[in-house]
Amino acid sequence: MEYLFSSIFNDSLDTTVAFIIMVAVALVVGILDSFIISFRMRSNKRFYIANSIIPAIVSLIIALVNSNLGVGLAVAGAFGLVRFRSAQGNSEEIAAIFISSAIGLAFGTGYLAYGVIAGLGLSLAFVGFSFLPIFQHKSQDYEKLVKITVPEDLNYDEAFEEIFTHYLKEVELLKVKTSDMGSLYRLEYRAKFKNTGDLKTFIDEVRERNANLDVAVLSYQIGEKGGSL
């Protein structure tokens, strides 16, 4: 048992053989990790492929720098930053990247058993937490991002006041933007609905006031500053 949890680089194996075993096992566990989390996380195939090889890449770097954990942590942070500097990501993706990096750190120091346990354990925990009904507050279902396009001659401060009072508990104007050479205004509101079953009626009544231009009701993310319509 002690042999199983000792570093492969401290054993009597040839260094080259130990190195190949380490990278191979890291790659297999990385693929299993990505396969498991793919059941509960929506992303594209390229992300899962990249996430699958991160443990092998990190373990390779750690082994080459003689198990320097400081370098390992820098590598883990770099992978997270590269992902979010190159494309829009989400909290699930950055968690998956750090899990893969942690697996790579374990393998890079030669502790294969710890790497396997950490990889499978964290992956299953990731999926398990996503199934549990925790951190979900019913009130968040009623909070939406409402985007309305209006003609330039419409007084939007008063045009929707009656509708907002009837359907919404709270409303906050986040952004006003002109488009089509100033002939249209695009408005974005953070709104909390009294009843989400009234969305269609709400949209229909807004369209009667905004000359039947675009209206969109989207899920509102905490910290969202509004985007383009």
Protein backbone atom coordinates (compact mmCIF):
# COMPACT_ATOMS: atom_id res chain seq x y z
CA MET A 1 0.00 0.00 0.00
CA GLU A 2 2.81 2.42 0.82
CA TYR A 3 4.38 1.59 -2.53
CA LEU A 4 1.11 2.47 -4.28
CA PHE A 5 1.04 5.96 -2.75
CA SER A 6 4.71 6.76 -3.15
CA SER A 7 6.19 8.83 -5.97
CA ILE A 8 6.94 6.87 -9.11
CA PHE A 9 10.18 8.84 -9.46
CA ASN A 10 11.43 7.50 -6.13
CA ASP A 11 11.01 3.88 -7.23
CA SER A 12 13.51 1.68 -8.99
CA LEU A 13 11.91 2.30 -12.38
CA ASP A 14 14.01 3.76 -15.13
CA THR A 15 13.43 7.53 -15.34
CA THR A 16 12.31 7.35 -18.97
CA VAL A 17 9.84 4.55 -18.25
CA ALA A 18 8.48 6.40 -15.20
CA PHE A 19 8.12 9.55 -17.28
CA ILE A 20 6.16 7.77 -20.03
CA ILE A 21 3.88 6.04 -17.50
CA MET A 22 3.20 9.34 -15.75
CA VAL A 23 2.19 11.17 -18.94
CA ALA A 24 0.10 8.24 -20.19
CA VAL A 25 -1.85 7.88 -16.93
CA ALA A 26 -2.33 11.66 -16.73
CA LEU A 27 -3.77 11.66 -20.26
CA VAL A 28 -6.16 8.79 -19.46
CA VAL A 29 -7.38 10.43 -16.25
CA GLY A 30 -7.75 13.76 -18.08
CA ILE A 31 -9.98 12.13 -20.68
CA LEU A 32 -12.08 10.46 -17.95
CA ASP A 33 -12.35 13.77 -16.09
CA SER A 34 -13.61 15.59 -19.19
CA PHE A 35 -15.98 12.75 -20.04
CA ILE A 36 -17.54 12.81 -16.55
CA ILE A 37 -18.03 16.58 -16.35
CA SER A 38 -19.44 16.69 -19.88
CA PHE A 39 -22.63 15.12 -18.51
CA ARG A 40 -23.45 18.29 -16.54
CA MET A 41 -21.48 21.10 -18.18
CA ARG A 42 -22.33 22.54 -21.58
CA SER A 43 -19.34 23.45 -23.67
CA ASN A 44 -17.92 22.68 -27.10
CA LYS A 45 -15.88 19.67 -28.16
CA ARG A 46 -12.68 21.72 -28.46
CA PHE A 47 -12.88 22.73 -24.81
CA TYR A 48 -13.24 19.11 -23.68
CA ILE A 49 -10.30 18.04 -25.87
CA ALA A 50 -8.13 20.81 -24.43
CA ASN A 51 -9.26 20.00 -20.89
CA SER A 52 -8.40 16.33 -21.46
CA ILE A 53 -4.76 17.02 -22.26
CA ILE A 54 -4.16 19.69 -19.59
CA PRO A 55 -3.22 17.11 -16.89
CA ALA A 56 -0.62 15.58 -19.20
CA ILE A 57 0.74 19.01 -20.14
CA VAL A 58 0.95 20.20 -16.53
CA SER A 59 2.54 16.94 -15.34
CA LEU A 60 5.09 17.21 -18.15
CA ILE A 61 6.02 20.76 -17.15
CA ILE A 62 6.24 19.89 -13.44
CA ALA A 63 8.45 16.89 -14.14
CA LEU A 64 10.75 18.97 -16.34
CA VAL A 65 11.18 21.65 -13.65
CA ASN A 66 11.89 19.01 -11.00
CA SER A 67 8.51 19.14 -9.24
CA ASN A 68 8.65 22.86 -8.52
CA LEU A 69 5.17 23.56 -7.09
CA GLY A 70 5.58 27.31 -7.53
CA VAL A 71 5.89 26.81 -11.27
CA GLY A 72 2.94 24.42 -11.15
CA LEU A 73 0.67 26.99 -9.55
CA ALA A 74 1.78 29.57 -12.11
CA VAL A 75 0.93 27.13 -14.90
CA ALA A 76 -2.53 26.45 -13.44
CA GLY A 77 -3.24 30.18 -13.22
CA ALA A 78 -1.94 30.70 -16.74
CA PHE A 79 -4.34 28.11 -18.18
CA GLY A 80 -7.27 29.82 -16.48
CA LEU A 81 -6.22 33.28 -17.68
CA VAL A 82 -5.60 32.11 -21.24
CA ARG A 83 -9.09 30.63 -21.40
CA PHE A 84 -10.79 33.80 -20.25
CA ARG A 85 -8.60 36.17 -22.24
CA SER A 86 -9.11 34.27 -25.49
CA ALA A 87 -12.86 33.59 -25.29
CA GLN A 88 -15.84 34.20 -23.13
CA GLY A 89 -16.01 31.50 -20.50
CA ASN A 90 -17.97 30.72 -17.38
CA SER A 91 -17.33 29.63 -13.80
CA GLU A 92 -17.87 25.97 -14.66
CA GLU A 93 -15.15 26.03 -17.29
CA ILE A 94 -12.60 27.69 -15.04
CA ALA A 95 -13.40 25.13 -12.31
CA ALA A 96 -12.84 22.32 -14.82
CA ILE A 97 -9.51 23.84 -15.87
CA PHE A 98 -8.29 24.10 -12.28
CA ILE A 99 -9.37 20.51 -11.59
CA SER A 100 -7.35 19.36 -14.59
CA SER A 101 -4.38 21.46 -13.47
CA ALA A 102 -4.55 19.96 -9.96
CA ILE A 103 -4.56 16.47 -11.47
CA GLY A 104 -1.52 17.40 -13.53
CA LEU A 105 0.29 18.66 -10.40
CA ALA A 106 -0.26 15.34 -8.66
CA PHE A 107 1.01 13.36 -11.63
CA GLY A 108 3.91 15.73 -12.23
CA THR A 109 5.29 14.99 -8.77
CA GLY A 110 4.98 11.27 -9.48
CA TYR A 111 2.04 10.47 -7.19
CA LEU A 112 -0.09 8.49 -9.63
CA ALA A 113 -2.53 7.10 -7.07
CA TYR A 114 -3.23 10.54 -5.66
CA GLY A 115 -3.71 11.88 -9.17
CA VAL A 116 -6.25 9.18 -10.04
CA ILE A 117 -8.15 9.65 -6.77
CA ALA A 118 -8.13 13.44 -7.08
CA GLY A 119 -9.15 13.37 -10.73
CA LEU A 120 -12.06 10.98 -10.40
CA GLY A 121 -13.10 12.33 -7.00
CA LEU A 122 -13.21 15.99 -8.06
CA SER A 123 -14.96 15.14 -11.32
CA LEU A 124 -17.67 13.18 -9.53
CA ALA A 125 -17.99 15.94 -6.92
CA PHE A 126 -18.41 18.49 -9.73
CA VAL A 127 -21.22 16.45 -11.28
CA GLY A 128 -22.76 15.63 -7.90
CA PHE A 129 -23.00 19.27 -6.82
CA SER A 130 -24.70 20.15 -10.11
CA PHE A 131 -27.47 17.64 -9.33
CA LEU A 132 -28.10 18.92 -5.81
CA PRO A 133 -30.80 21.60 -5.38
CA ILE A 134 -28.49 23.96 -3.53
CA PHE A 135 -27.63 27.61 -4.19
CA GLN A 136 -30.84 27.92 -6.21
CA HIS A 137 -33.19 30.60 -4.92
CA LYS A 138 -36.66 30.73 -6.38
CA SER A 139 -36.61 34.51 -6.45
CA GLN A 140 -33.82 34.42 -9.06
CA ASP A 141 -36.22 32.82 -11.57
CA TYR A 142 -38.24 36.03 -11.60
CA GLU A 143 -35.27 38.30 -12.30
CA LYS A 144 -34.77 38.98 -16.02
CA LEU A 145 -32.89 41.20 -18.43
CA VAL A 146 -35.43 43.01 -20.59
CA LYS A 147 -34.28 44.55 -23.88
CA ILE A 148 -36.62 46.88 -25.73
CA THR A 149 -36.11 48.77 -29.00
CA VAL A 150 -38.09 52.02 -29.32
CA PRO A 151 -38.35 54.76 -31.97
CA GLU A 152 -36.49 57.97 -31.20
CA ASP A 153 -39.65 60.04 -30.75
CA LEU A 154 -41.07 57.77 -28.01
CA ASN A 155 -40.88 59.01 -24.42
CA TYR A 156 -39.87 55.66 -22.97
CA ASP A 157 -39.83 56.99 -19.39
CA GLU A 158 -43.63 57.26 -19.48
CA ALA A 159 -44.59 54.85 -22.27
CA PHE A 160 -43.95 51.68 -20.26
CA GLU A 161 -44.65 52.96 -16.75
CA GLU A 162 -48.14 51.44 -16.54
CA ILE A 163 -46.99 48.08 -17.93
CA PHE A 164 -44.00 47.91 -15.59
CA THR A 165 -46.16 48.73 -12.57
CA HIS A 166 -48.60 45.96 -13.47
CA TYR A 167 -46.14 43.15 -14.25
CA LEU A 168 -42.95 43.96 -12.36
CA LYS A 169 -41.95 44.11 -8.71
CA GLU A 170 -38.73 45.95 -9.46
CA VAL A 171 -37.23 47.56 -12.55
CA GLU A 172 -33.94 49.34 -13.17
CA LEU A 173 -32.76 50.96 -16.41
CA LEU A 174 -29.24 49.63 -17.08
CA LYS A 175 -28.37 51.09 -20.46
CA VAL A 176 -29.67 53.30 -23.28
CA LYS A 177 -28.05 53.00 -26.69
CA THR A 178 -28.85 54.60 -30.05
CA SER A 179 -28.79 52.67 -33.33
CA ASP A 180 -29.68 53.07 -37.02
CA MET A 181 -28.19 56.56 -37.19
CA GLY A 182 -30.06 57.61 -34.05
CA SER A 183 -33.52 56.65 -35.34
CA LEU A 184 -33.90 53.94 -32.68
CA TYR A 185 -33.09 53.55 -29.00
CA ARG A 186 -32.18 50.23 -27.43
CA LEU A 187 -33.09 50.02 -23.76
CA GLU A 188 -31.93 47.42 -21.25
CA TYR A 189 -33.66 46.89 -17.91
CA ARG A 190 -33.06 44.65 -14.94
CA ALA A 191 -36.56 43.55 -14.01
CA LYS A 192 -38.08 41.29 -11.37
CA PHE A 193 -41.41 39.86 -12.52
CA LYS A 194 -44.36 39.23 -10.23
CA ASN A 195 -45.21 36.09 -12.21
CA THR A 196 -43.07 34.56 -14.97
CA GLY A 197 -46.22 33.10 -16.52
CA ASP A 198 -47.10 36.61 -17.68
CA LEU A 199 -44.08 36.97 -20.00
CA LYS A 200 -46.01 36.61 -23.26
CA THR A 201 -48.67 39.10 -22.21
CA PHE A 202 -45.98 41.48 -21.00
CA ILE A 203 -44.13 41.30 -24.33
CA ASP A 204 -47.34 41.77 -26.33
CA GLU A 205 -48.27 44.89 -24.39
CA VAL A 206 -44.78 46.34 -24.74
CA ARG A 207 -44.91 45.77 -28.51
CA GLU A 208 -48.12 47.80 -28.66
CA ARG A 209 -46.22 50.75 -27.17
CA ASN A 210 -42.90 50.45 -29.05
CA ALA A 211 -44.28 50.31 -32.61
CA ASN A 212 -43.89 46.51 -32.72
CA LEU A 213 -40.08 46.69 -32.60
CA ASP A 214 -37.80 44.13 -30.96
CA VAL A 215 -38.45 42.98 -27.40
CA ALA A 216 -36.35 40.35 -25.60
CA VAL A 217 -36.58 38.87 -22.11
CA LEU A 218 -33.43 37.03 -21.02
CA SER A 219 -32.11 35.39 -17.88
CA TYR A 220 -30.33 37.95 -15.77
CA GLN A 221 -26.86 37.02 -14.48
CA ILE A 222 -25.57 38.63 -11.29
CA GLY A 223 -22.96 41.20 -12.20
CA GLU A 224 -24.24 41.50 -15.77
CA LYS A 225 -23.76 45.00 -17.16
CA GLY A 226 -25.87 44.48 -20.25
CA GLY A 227 -24.89 43.60 -23.78
CA SER A 228 -25.98 44.36 -27.32
CA LEU A 229 -29.49 43.53 -28.43
